[in-house]
Amino acid sequence: MAASVRNTIKWGVTLCAALTASTGFAQAPVVNANGGSELEQRIVVLERIVKSRTEMQHRMQTQLDNMQNEVDQLRGAVEVNTNELQKVLERQRELYLEIDKRVEALKQSGALTSTSSSGAVSTVPESAPASPVQVGESEAYESAVNLILKSREYDKAIPAFQSFIERFPNSEYAPNAHYWLGQLLFNKQQWSDASEQFNIVVNRFSSSTKRPDALLKLGVIAQRNGDNASARQLFLQVVNEHPDSSAKRLAESRLNNL
């Protein structure tokens, strides 16, 4: 009986000593089989995720820039087609007016008569020659735009637009010409000269449909020059002043990436 009690006491003392020893040491850090801590592993994973997202944002921004250039070219094509249609309609109108003038002249000269015995007889010219085509601002502008859209002779388009602006500074196509010239210089990374043209569109032609795009391009130039504060201000100006423009969505995208 006494031996049993002594054995029980020894077992209890041994258990207490073991518990004391186990609580007296700090928990060892978790180390994986490769020798690195779990925290280091997580940091490496997070760095990979951040790097992947950054690369994806850069790719998306490049795609947005390419899409913007394509949109500019499509707009230019629409402008050319619209101008051609307007010229056709104008020439047709002039043709009708010329016919009316000739018919009226024939009436006044007595060449156009009517008789009761033989019925009405009228003498009307079968056709009237169209007004001669004169090289003017429309043709000069269209020729410069075609160097971009049709023949893709961008280096020749720059002096063509410069010549047009010099000849027709107050033309209805002037804001578009300044914008196209700015875009050509932008593509050649001539930031200062491009900014000059875009600023003319923004400040001199405030009602032009090219103004939001010009503001956007000024923001892009500022961003590429490392002036993120000015870039943010210009992108916000696009969003606030031109909420219905296509440039607004591009400005918002760039704001999110600043």
C-alpha atoms as a PDB file:
ATOM      1  CA  MET A   1       0.000   0.000   0.000  1.00  0.00           C
ATOM      2  CA  ALA A   2       2.802   2.406   1.014  1.00  0.00           C
ATOM      3  CA  ALA A   3       4.729   1.521  -2.138  1.00  0.00           C
ATOM      4  CA  SER A   4       1.688   2.341  -4.292  1.00  0.00           C
ATOM      5  CA  VAL A   5       1.328   5.782  -2.660  1.00  0.00           C
ATOM      6  CA  ARG A   6       5.010   6.548  -3.185  1.00  0.00           C
ATOM      7  CA  ASN A   7       4.737   5.626  -6.862  1.00  0.00           C
ATOM      8  CA  THR A   8       1.726   7.909  -7.301  1.00  0.00           C
ATOM      9  CA  ILE A   9       3.553  10.836  -5.667  1.00  0.00           C
ATOM     10  CA  LYS A  10       6.620  10.287  -7.891  1.00  0.00           C
ATOM     11  CA  TRP A  11       4.426  10.244 -11.025  1.00  0.00           C
ATOM     12  CA  GLY A  12       2.748  13.516  -9.975  1.00  0.00           C
ATOM     13  CA  VAL A  13       6.087  15.210  -9.282  1.00  0.00           C
ATOM     14  CA  THR A  14       7.440  14.073 -12.640  1.00  0.00           C
ATOM     15  CA  LEU A  15       4.319  15.398 -14.443  1.00  0.00           C
ATOM     16  CA  CYS A  16       4.570  18.797 -12.709  1.00  0.00           C
ATOM     17  CA  ALA A  17       8.237  19.082 -13.641  1.00  0.00           C
ATOM     18  CA  ALA A  18       7.478  18.277 -17.235  1.00  0.00           C
ATOM     19  CA  LEU A  19       4.698  20.921 -17.378  1.00  0.00           C
ATOM     20  CA  THR A  20       6.965  23.516 -15.788  1.00  0.00           C
ATOM     21  CA  ALA A  21       9.711  22.814 -18.318  1.00  0.00           C
ATOM     22  CA  SER A  22       7.295  23.030 -21.252  1.00  0.00           C
ATOM     23  CA  THR A  23       5.969  26.449 -20.201  1.00  0.00           C
ATOM     24  CA  GLY A  24       9.359  27.857 -19.406  1.00  0.00           C
ATOM     25  CA  PHE A  25      10.552  28.091 -23.011  1.00  0.00           C
ATOM     26  CA  ALA A  26       9.314  30.461 -25.803  1.00  0.00           C
ATOM     27  CA  GLN A  27       7.644  28.933 -28.821  1.00  0.00           C
ATOM     28  CA  ALA A  28      10.113  28.379 -31.640  1.00  0.00           C
ATOM     29  CA  PRO A  29       9.378  30.223 -34.942  1.00  0.00           C
ATOM     30  CA  VAL A  30       7.803  28.279 -37.752  1.00  0.00           C
ATOM     31  CA  VAL A  31      10.424  27.431 -40.308  1.00  0.00           C
ATOM     32  CA  ASN A  32       9.666  25.722 -43.567  1.00  0.00           C
ATOM     33  CA  ALA A  33      11.732  23.088 -45.258  1.00  0.00           C
ATOM     34  CA  ASN A  34      13.554  25.667 -47.464  1.00  0.00           C
ATOM     35  CA  GLY A  35      14.966  27.499 -44.461  1.00  0.00           C
ATOM     36  CA  GLY A  36      12.804  30.696 -44.755  1.00  0.00           C
ATOM     37  CA  SER A  37      10.178  31.900 -42.328  1.00  0.00           C
ATOM     38  CA  GLU A  38       6.504  31.879 -43.230  1.00  0.00           C
ATOM     39  CA  LEU A  39       6.476  35.738 -43.098  1.00  0.00           C
ATOM     40  CA  GLU A  40       9.272  35.953 -45.663  1.00  0.00           C
ATOM     41  CA  GLN A  41       7.393  33.560 -47.901  1.00  0.00           C
ATOM     42  CA  ARG A  42       4.289  35.749 -47.737  1.00  0.00           C
ATOM     43  CA  ILE A  43       6.314  38.897 -48.509  1.00  0.00           C
ATOM     44  CA  VAL A  44       7.787  37.220 -51.584  1.00  0.00           C
ATOM     45  CA  VAL A  45       4.304  36.216 -52.767  1.00  0.00           C
ATOM     46  CA  LEU A  46       2.956  39.748 -52.234  1.00  0.00           C
ATOM     47  CA  GLU A  47       5.891  41.256 -54.145  1.00  0.00           C
ATOM     48  CA  ARG A  48       5.178  38.935 -57.059  1.00  0.00           C
ATOM     49  CA  ILE A  49       1.507  39.942 -57.031  1.00  0.00           C
ATOM     50  CA  VAL A  50       2.352  43.668 -56.975  1.00  0.00           C
ATOM     51  CA  LYS A  51       4.871  43.246 -59.786  1.00  0.00           C
ATOM     52  CA  SER A  52       2.356  41.314 -61.874  1.00  0.00           C
ATOM     53  CA  ARG A  53      -0.331  43.956 -61.357  1.00  0.00           C
ATOM     54  CA  THR A  54       2.086  46.764 -62.228  1.00  0.00           C
ATOM     55  CA  GLU A  55       3.074  45.050 -65.460  1.00  0.00           C
ATOM     56  CA  MET A  56      -0.578  44.473 -66.304  1.00  0.00           C
ATOM     57  CA  GLN A  57      -1.378  48.171 -65.698  1.00  0.00           C
ATOM     58  CA  HIS A  58       1.477  49.185 -68.007  1.00  0.00           C
ATOM     59  CA  ARG A  59       0.196  46.860 -70.724  1.00  0.00           C
ATOM     60  CA  MET A  60      -3.320  48.221 -70.329  1.00  0.00           C
ATOM     61  CA  GLN A  61      -2.051  51.801 -70.522  1.00  0.00           C
ATOM     62  CA  THR A  62      -0.162  51.020 -73.706  1.00  0.00           C
ATOM     63  CA  GLN A  63      -3.306  49.488 -75.181  1.00  0.00           C
ATOM     64  CA  LEU A  64      -5.292  52.592 -74.197  1.00  0.00           C
ATOM     65  CA  ASP A  65      -2.730  54.818 -75.926  1.00  0.00           C
ATOM     66  CA  ASN A  66      -2.940  52.715 -79.078  1.00  0.00           C
ATOM     67  CA  MET A  67      -6.738  52.809 -78.981  1.00  0.00           C
ATOM     68  CA  GLN A  68      -6.652  56.594 -78.605  1.00  0.00           C
ATOM     69  CA  ASN A  69      -4.461  56.883 -81.704  1.00  0.00           C
ATOM     70  CA  GLU A  70      -6.855  54.635 -83.624  1.00  0.00           C
ATOM     71  CA  VAL A  71      -9.809  56.739 -82.468  1.00  0.00           C
ATOM     72  CA  ASP A  72      -8.023  59.882 -83.672  1.00  0.00           C
ATOM     73  CA  GLN A  73      -7.485  58.315 -87.079  1.00  0.00           C
ATOM     74  CA  LEU A  74     -11.113  57.202 -87.282  1.00  0.00           C
ATOM     75  CA  ARG A  75     -12.269  60.685 -86.379  1.00  0.00           C
ATOM     76  CA  GLY A  76     -10.057  62.075 -89.076  1.00  0.00           C
ATOM     77  CA  ALA A  77     -11.570  59.676 -91.600  1.00  0.00           C
ATOM     78  CA  VAL A  78     -15.055  60.780 -90.554  1.00  0.00           C
ATOM     79  CA  GLU A  79     -14.025  64.416 -90.975  1.00  0.00           C
ATOM     80  CA  VAL A  80     -12.740  63.762 -94.466  1.00  0.00           C
ATOM     81  CA  ASN A  81     -15.891  61.897 -95.478  1.00  0.00           C
ATOM     82  CA  THR A  82     -18.070  64.601 -93.968  1.00  0.00           C
ATOM     83  CA  ASN A  83     -16.161  67.309 -95.827  1.00  0.00           C
ATOM     84  CA  GLU A  84     -16.450  65.414 -99.101  1.00  0.00           C
ATOM     85  CA  LEU A  85     -20.186  64.958 -98.591  1.00  0.00           C
ATOM     86  CA  GLN A  86     -20.609  68.640 -97.817  1.00  0.00           C
ATOM     87  CA  LYS A  87     -18.720  69.571-100.971  1.00  0.00           C
ATOM     88  CA  VAL A  88     -20.882  67.249-103.078  1.00  0.00           C
ATOM     89  CA  LEU A  89     -24.050  68.750-101.608  1.00  0.00           C
ATOM     90  CA  GLU A  90     -22.742  72.270-102.101  1.00  0.00           C
ATOM     91  CA  ARG A  91     -21.832  71.617-105.728  1.00  0.00           C
ATOM     92  CA  GLN A  92     -25.203  70.021-106.325  1.00  0.00           C
ATOM     93  CA  ARG A  93     -26.879  73.074-104.833  1.00  0.00           C
ATOM     94  CA  GLU A  94     -24.786  75.357-107.049  1.00  0.00           C
ATOM     95  CA  LEU A  95     -25.734  73.238-110.053  1.00  0.00           C
ATOM     96  CA  TYR A  96     -29.437  73.594-109.291  1.00  0.00           C
ATOM     97  CA  LEU A  97     -29.040  77.337-108.832  1.00  0.00           C
ATOM     98  CA  GLU A  98     -27.228  77.578-112.161  1.00  0.00           C
ATOM     99  CA  ILE A  99     -30.028  75.656-113.875  1.00  0.00           C
ATOM    100  CA  ASP A 100     -32.638  77.942-112.316  1.00  0.00           C
ATOM    101  CA  LYS A 101     -30.741  81.000-113.507  1.00  0.00           C
ATOM    102  CA  ARG A 102     -30.545  79.700-117.050  1.00  0.00           C
ATOM    103  CA  VAL A 103     -34.208  78.734-117.123  1.00  0.00           C
ATOM    104  CA  GLU A 104     -35.153  82.178-115.833  1.00  0.00           C
ATOM    105  CA  ALA A 105     -32.937  83.815-118.458  1.00  0.00           C
ATOM    106  CA  LEU A 106     -34.591  81.781-121.201  1.00  0.00           C
ATOM    107  CA  LYS A 107     -38.015  82.807-119.945  1.00  0.00           C
ATOM    108  CA  GLN A 108     -37.091  86.464-119.987  1.00  0.00           C
ATOM    109  CA  SER A 109     -35.597  86.229-123.505  1.00  0.00           C
ATOM    110  CA  GLY A 110     -38.697  84.585-124.885  1.00  0.00           C
ATOM    111  CA  ALA A 111     -37.007  81.302-125.719  1.00  0.00           C
ATOM    112  CA  LEU A 112     -39.332  79.491-123.362  1.00  0.00           C
ATOM    113  CA  THR A 113     -42.898  79.854-124.741  1.00  0.00           C
ATOM    114  CA  SER A 114     -46.172  78.014-124.666  1.00  0.00           C
ATOM    115  CA  THR A 115     -48.845  77.846-127.393  1.00  0.00           C
ATOM    116  CA  SER A 116     -52.417  76.607-127.299  1.00  0.00           C
ATOM    117  CA  SER A 117     -52.279  75.019-130.746  1.00  0.00           C
ATOM    118  CA  SER A 118     -49.172  72.909-130.482  1.00  0.00           C
ATOM    119  CA  GLY A 119     -49.019  72.476-126.741  1.00  0.00           C
ATOM    120  CA  ALA A 120     -46.387  73.604-124.350  1.00  0.00           C
ATOM    121  CA  VAL A 121     -42.914  73.712-125.681  1.00  0.00           C
ATOM    122  CA  SER A 122     -40.022  74.362-123.391  1.00  0.00           C
ATOM    123  CA  THR A 123     -36.378  74.703-124.062  1.00  0.00           C
ATOM    124  CA  VAL A 124     -34.257  73.721-121.106  1.00  0.00           C
ATOM    125  CA  PRO A 125     -30.574  72.966-121.203  1.00  0.00           C
ATOM    126  CA  GLU A 126     -29.942  69.295-120.771  1.00  0.00           C
ATOM    127  CA  SER A 127     -27.123  69.854-118.341  1.00  0.00           C
ATOM    128  CA  ALA A 128     -25.162  72.641-116.799  1.00  0.00           C
ATOM    129  CA  PRO A 129     -21.468  72.459-116.152  1.00  0.00           C
ATOM    130  CA  ALA A 130     -20.465  72.239-112.534  1.00  0.00           C
ATOM    131  CA  SER A 131     -18.623  75.117-110.976  1.00  0.00           C
ATOM    132  CA  PRO A 132     -14.908  74.834-111.513  1.00  0.00           C
ATOM    133  CA  VAL A 133     -13.033  73.351-108.603  1.00  0.00           C
ATOM    134  CA  GLN A 134     -10.872  75.974-106.946  1.00  0.00           C
ATOM    135  CA  VAL A 135      -8.135  75.045-104.529  1.00  0.00           C
ATOM    136  CA  GLY A 136      -9.172  76.535-101.214  1.00  0.00           C
ATOM    137  CA  GLU A 137      -9.078  75.827 -97.526  1.00  0.00           C
ATOM    138  CA  SER A 138     -11.271  72.703 -97.771  1.00  0.00           C
ATOM    139  CA  GLU A 139      -9.036  71.118-100.391  1.00  0.00           C
ATOM    140  CA  ALA A 140      -5.876  72.103 -98.531  1.00  0.00           C
ATOM    141  CA  TYR A 141      -7.163  70.676 -95.264  1.00  0.00           C
ATOM    142  CA  GLU A 142      -8.379  67.480 -96.922  1.00  0.00           C
ATOM    143  CA  SER A 143      -5.029  67.051 -98.664  1.00  0.00           C
ATOM    144  CA  ALA A 144      -3.160  67.361 -95.354  1.00  0.00           C
ATOM    145  CA  VAL A 145      -5.465  64.897 -93.597  1.00  0.00           C
ATOM    146  CA  ASN A 146      -5.129  62.392 -96.434  1.00  0.00           C
ATOM    147  CA  LEU A 147      -1.379  62.364 -95.895  1.00  0.00           C
ATOM    148  CA  ILE A 148      -2.179  60.807 -92.513  1.00  0.00           C
ATOM    149  CA  LEU A 149      -5.158  58.607 -93.234  1.00  0.00           C
ATOM    150  CA  LYS A 150      -4.540  57.416 -96.773  1.00  0.00           C
ATOM    151  CA  SER A 151      -0.878  57.559 -97.700  1.00  0.00           C
ATOM    152  CA  ARG A 152       0.407  57.598 -94.076  1.00  0.00           C
ATOM    153  CA  GLU A 153       3.157  60.038 -94.996  1.00  0.00           C
ATOM    154  CA  TYR A 154       3.388  61.513 -91.520  1.00  0.00           C
ATOM    155  CA  ASP A 155       6.566  63.515 -92.102  1.00  0.00           C
ATOM    156  CA  LYS A 156       4.969  65.232 -95.095  1.00  0.00           C
ATOM    157  CA  ALA A 157       1.768  65.878 -93.155  1.00  0.00           C
ATOM    158  CA  ILE A 158       3.571  68.107 -90.627  1.00  0.00           C
ATOM    159  CA  PRO A 159       4.578  70.844 -93.133  1.00  0.00           C
ATOM    160  CA  ALA A 160       1.209  70.426 -94.872  1.00  0.00           C
ATOM    161  CA  PHE A 161      -0.678  71.335 -91.696  1.00  0.00           C
ATOM    162  CA  GLN A 162       1.800  74.098 -90.887  1.00  0.00           C
ATOM    163  CA  SER A 163       1.208  75.573 -94.351  1.00  0.00           C
ATOM    164  CA  PHE A 164      -2.561  75.285 -93.950  1.00  0.00           C
ATOM    165  CA  ILE A 165      -2.489  77.082 -90.581  1.00  0.00           C
ATOM    166  CA  GLU A 166      -0.326  79.835 -92.052  1.00  0.00           C
ATOM    167  CA  ARG A 167      -2.641  80.305 -95.053  1.00  0.00           C
ATOM    168  CA  PHE A 168      -5.955  79.927 -93.228  1.00  0.00           C
ATOM    169  CA  PRO A 169      -5.439  80.906 -89.557  1.00  0.00           C
ATOM    170  CA  ASN A 170      -9.143  81.663 -89.085  1.00  0.00           C
ATOM    171  CA  SER A 171     -10.505  78.698 -91.001  1.00  0.00           C
ATOM    172  CA  GLU A 172     -13.266  76.563 -89.533  1.00  0.00           C
ATOM    173  CA  TYR A 173     -10.757  73.710 -89.829  1.00  0.00           C
ATOM    174  CA  ALA A 174      -8.082  75.606 -87.863  1.00  0.00           C
ATOM    175  CA  PRO A 175      -8.692  73.876 -84.486  1.00  0.00           C
ATOM    176  CA  ASN A 176      -8.598  70.460 -86.160  1.00  0.00           C
ATOM    177  CA  ALA A 177      -5.437  71.394 -88.042  1.00  0.00           C
ATOM    178  CA  HIS A 178      -3.717  72.493 -84.821  1.00  0.00           C
ATOM    179  CA  TYR A 179      -4.806  69.278 -83.120  1.00  0.00           C
ATOM    180  CA  TRP A 180      -3.582  67.049 -85.960  1.00  0.00           C
ATOM    181  CA  LEU A 181      -0.267  68.904 -86.028  1.00  0.00           C
ATOM    182  CA  GLY A 182       0.032  68.447 -82.265  1.00  0.00           C
ATOM    183  CA  GLN A 183      -0.722  64.728 -82.609  1.00  0.00           C
ATOM    184  CA  LEU A 184       1.961  64.300 -85.272  1.00  0.00           C
ATOM    185  CA  LEU A 185       4.525  66.072 -83.078  1.00  0.00           C
ATOM    186  CA  PHE A 186       3.325  64.032 -80.082  1.00  0.00           C
ATOM    187  CA  ASN A 187       4.008  60.811 -81.981  1.00  0.00           C
ATOM    188  CA  LYS A 188       7.543  62.050 -82.637  1.00  0.00           C
ATOM    189  CA  GLN A 189       7.881  62.755 -78.875  1.00  0.00           C
ATOM    190  CA  GLN A 190       8.473  66.444 -79.527  1.00  0.00           C
ATOM    191  CA  TRP A 191       6.665  67.293 -76.311  1.00  0.00           C
ATOM    192  CA  SER A 192       7.228  71.055 -76.279  1.00  0.00           C
ATOM    193  CA  ASP A 193       6.060  71.646 -79.871  1.00  0.00           C
ATOM    194  CA  ALA A 194       3.123  69.293 -79.407  1.00  0.00           C
ATOM    195  CA  SER A 195       2.077  71.096 -76.197  1.00  0.00           C
ATOM    196  CA  GLU A 196       2.124  74.412 -78.063  1.00  0.00           C
ATOM    197  CA  GLN A 197      -0.397  73.131 -80.621  1.00  0.00           C
ATOM    198  CA  PHE A 198      -2.649  71.493 -78.028  1.00  0.00           C
ATOM    199  CA  ASN A 199      -2.633  74.673 -75.928  1.00  0.00           C
ATOM    200  CA  ILE A 200      -3.781  76.662 -78.964  1.00  0.00           C
ATOM    201  CA  VAL A 201      -6.756  74.313 -79.334  1.00  0.00           C
ATOM    202  CA  VAL A 202      -7.580  74.574 -75.609  1.00  0.00           C
ATOM    203  CA  ASN A 203      -7.221  78.358 -75.266  1.00  0.00           C
ATOM    204  CA  ARG A 204      -8.195  79.762 -78.669  1.00  0.00           C
ATOM    205  CA  PHE A 205     -10.882  77.289 -79.714  1.00  0.00           C
ATOM    206  CA  SER A 206     -12.752  76.564 -76.466  1.00  0.00           C
ATOM    207  CA  SER A 207     -15.880  75.403 -78.319  1.00  0.00           C
ATOM    208  CA  SER A 208     -14.024  72.953 -80.561  1.00  0.00           C
ATOM    209  CA  THR A 209     -14.805  69.248 -80.263  1.00  0.00           C
ATOM    210  CA  LYS A 210     -11.040  68.702 -80.210  1.00  0.00           C
ATOM    211  CA  ARG A 211     -10.617  70.572 -76.913  1.00  0.00           C
ATOM    212  CA  PRO A 212     -11.153  67.576 -74.540  1.00  0.00           C
ATOM    213  CA  ASP A 213      -8.700  65.470 -76.569  1.00  0.00           C
ATOM    214  CA  ALA A 214      -6.175  68.313 -76.542  1.00  0.00           C
ATOM    215  CA  LEU A 215      -6.499  68.610 -72.740  1.00  0.00           C
ATOM    216  CA  LEU A 216      -6.030  64.860 -72.424  1.00  0.00           C
ATOM    217  CA  LYS A 217      -2.876  64.947 -74.543  1.00  0.00           C
ATOM    218  CA  LEU A 218      -1.478  67.825 -72.463  1.00  0.00           C
ATOM    219  CA  GLY A 219      -2.032  65.681 -69.371  1.00  0.00           C
ATOM    220  CA  VAL A 220      -0.262  62.723 -70.988  1.00  0.00           C
ATOM    221  CA  ILE A 221       2.700  64.932 -71.905  1.00  0.00           C
ATOM    222  CA  ALA A 222       2.896  66.259 -68.338  1.00  0.00           C
ATOM    223  CA  GLN A 223       2.778  62.698 -66.995  1.00  0.00           C
ATOM    224  CA  ARG A 224       5.559  61.547 -69.316  1.00  0.00           C
ATOM    225  CA  ASN A 225       7.649  64.513 -68.236  1.00  0.00           C
ATOM    226  CA  GLY A 226       7.242  63.420 -64.619  1.00  0.00           C
ATOM    227  CA  ASP A 227       4.894  66.289 -63.639  1.00  0.00           C
ATOM    228  CA  ASN A 228       2.137  64.176 -62.081  1.00  0.00           C
ATOM    229  CA  ALA A 229       0.571  67.158 -60.294  1.00  0.00           C
ATOM    230  CA  SER A 230      -0.073  69.000 -63.569  1.00  0.00           C
ATOM    231  CA  ALA A 231      -1.161  65.763 -65.224  1.00  0.00           C
ATOM    232  CA  ARG A 232      -3.743  65.140 -62.490  1.00  0.00           C
ATOM    233  CA  GLN A 233      -5.056  68.694 -62.819  1.00  0.00           C
ATOM    234  CA  LEU A 234      -5.444  68.358 -66.604  1.00  0.00           C
ATOM    235  CA  PHE A 235      -7.144  64.955 -66.376  1.00  0.00           C
ATOM    236  CA  LEU A 236      -9.573  66.333 -63.786  1.00  0.00           C
ATOM    237  CA  GLN A 237     -10.250  69.262 -66.104  1.00  0.00           C
ATOM    238  CA  VAL A 238     -11.240  66.835 -68.841  1.00  0.00           C
ATOM    239  CA  VAL A 239     -13.554  64.935 -66.482  1.00  0.00           C
ATOM    240  CA  ASN A 240     -15.187  68.074 -65.041  1.00  0.00           C
ATOM    241  CA  GLU A 241     -15.458  70.239 -68.160  1.00  0.00           C
ATOM    242  CA  HIS A 242     -16.223  67.550 -70.753  1.00  0.00           C
ATOM    243  CA  PRO A 243     -18.207  64.808 -68.963  1.00  0.00           C
ATOM    244  CA  ASP A 244     -19.849  63.586 -72.187  1.00  0.00           C
ATOM    245  CA  SER A 245     -16.662  63.218 -74.217  1.00  0.00           C
ATOM    246  CA  SER A 246     -14.839  60.006 -75.022  1.00  0.00           C
ATOM    247  CA  ALA A 247     -11.691  61.626 -73.615  1.00  0.00           C
ATOM    248  CA  LYS A 248     -13.305  61.589 -70.158  1.00  0.00           C
ATOM    249  CA  ARG A 249     -13.052  57.803 -69.851  1.00  0.00           C
ATOM    250  CA  LEU A 250      -9.390  57.856 -70.831  1.00  0.00           C
ATOM    251  CA  ALA A 251      -8.722  60.666 -68.354  1.00  0.00           C
ATOM    252  CA  GLU A 252     -10.387  58.699 -65.556  1.00  0.00           C
ATOM    253  CA  SER A 253      -8.291  55.651 -66.398  1.00  0.00           C
ATOM    254  CA  ARG A 254      -5.091  57.680 -66.200  1.00  0.00           C
ATOM    255  CA  LEU A 255      -6.192  59.271 -62.923  1.00  0.00           C
ATOM    256  CA  ASN A 256      -6.593  55.813 -61.424  1.00  0.00           C
ATOM    257  CA  ASN A 257      -3.048  54.926 -62.442  1.00  0.00           C
ATOM    258  CA  LEU A 258      -1.398  58.073 -61.085  1.00  0.00           C
END
